[in-house]
Amino acid sequence: MTPEERADLDRRRRQKNWAVLGVLLALVILFFFISTARVLRG
């Protein structure tokens, strides 16, 4: 594997990791607001 291919692979892996982080954070925020709404509603 050439250094250019390795760099491209690392770049794509980092992009995928950031995408997964974004999805997980969105789910945490969604669950937080759902839980808050349920508690406030009673």
C-alpha atoms as a PDB file:
ATOM      1  CA  MET A   1       0.000   0.000   0.000  1.00  0.00           C
ATOM      2  CA  THR A   2       1.425   3.349  -1.018  1.00  0.00           C
ATOM      3  CA  PRO A   3       1.584   6.265   1.418  1.00  0.00           C
ATOM      4  CA  GLU A   4      -1.077   8.069  -0.645  1.00  0.00           C
ATOM      5  CA  GLU A   5      -3.450   5.114  -0.393  1.00  0.00           C
ATOM      6  CA  ARG A   6      -2.783   4.856   3.339  1.00  0.00           C
ATOM      7  CA  ALA A   7      -3.495   8.568   3.823  1.00  0.00           C
ATOM      8  CA  ASP A   8      -6.729   8.251   1.840  1.00  0.00           C
ATOM      9  CA  LEU A   9      -7.793   5.252   3.914  1.00  0.00           C
ATOM     10  CA  ASP A  10      -7.063   7.115   7.156  1.00  0.00           C
ATOM     11  CA  ARG A  11      -8.979  10.172   5.920  1.00  0.00           C
ATOM     12  CA  ARG A  12     -12.037   8.095   5.038  1.00  0.00           C
ATOM     13  CA  ARG A  13     -11.883   6.300   8.392  1.00  0.00           C
ATOM     14  CA  ARG A  14     -11.782   9.631  10.243  1.00  0.00           C
ATOM     15  CA  GLN A  15     -14.749  10.907   8.230  1.00  0.00           C
ATOM     16  CA  LYS A  16     -16.748   7.789   9.072  1.00  0.00           C
ATOM     17  CA  ASN A  17     -15.845   8.120  12.751  1.00  0.00           C
ATOM     18  CA  TRP A  18     -17.066  11.731  12.795  1.00  0.00           C
ATOM     19  CA  ALA A  19     -20.304  10.677  11.083  1.00  0.00           C
ATOM     20  CA  VAL A  20     -20.906   7.974  13.699  1.00  0.00           C
ATOM     21  CA  LEU A  21     -20.187  10.484  16.466  1.00  0.00           C
ATOM     22  CA  GLY A  22     -22.717  12.891  14.946  1.00  0.00           C
ATOM     23  CA  VAL A  23     -25.418  10.214  14.783  1.00  0.00           C
ATOM     24  CA  LEU A  24     -24.763   9.143  18.376  1.00  0.00           C
ATOM     25  CA  LEU A  25     -24.914  12.731  19.630  1.00  0.00           C
ATOM     26  CA  ALA A  26     -28.155  13.302  17.736  1.00  0.00           C
ATOM     27  CA  LEU A  27     -29.671  10.220  19.379  1.00  0.00           C
ATOM     28  CA  VAL A  28     -28.551  11.331  22.839  1.00  0.00           C
ATOM     29  CA  ILE A  29     -30.115  14.756  22.305  1.00  0.00           C
ATOM     30  CA  LEU A  30     -33.315  13.200  20.956  1.00  0.00           C
ATOM     31  CA  PHE A  31     -33.624  10.844  23.930  1.00  0.00           C
ATOM     32  CA  PHE A  32     -32.920  13.730  26.315  1.00  0.00           C
ATOM     33  CA  PHE A  33     -35.729  15.844  24.871  1.00  0.00           C
ATOM     34  CA  ILE A  34     -38.149  12.917  24.795  1.00  0.00           C
ATOM     35  CA  SER A  35     -37.365  12.092  28.425  1.00  0.00           C
ATOM     36  CA  THR A  36     -37.682  15.729  29.469  1.00  0.00           C
ATOM     37  CA  ALA A  37     -41.033  16.064  27.713  1.00  0.00           C
ATOM     38  CA  ARG A  38     -42.350  12.902  29.372  1.00  0.00           C
ATOM     39  CA  VAL A  39     -41.242  14.030  32.838  1.00  0.00           C
ATOM     40  CA  LEU A  40     -42.717  17.497  32.447  1.00  0.00           C
ATOM     41  CA  ARG A  41     -45.976  16.119  31.065  1.00  0.00           C
ATOM     42  CA  GLY A  42     -46.328  13.815  34.029  1.00  0.00           C
END
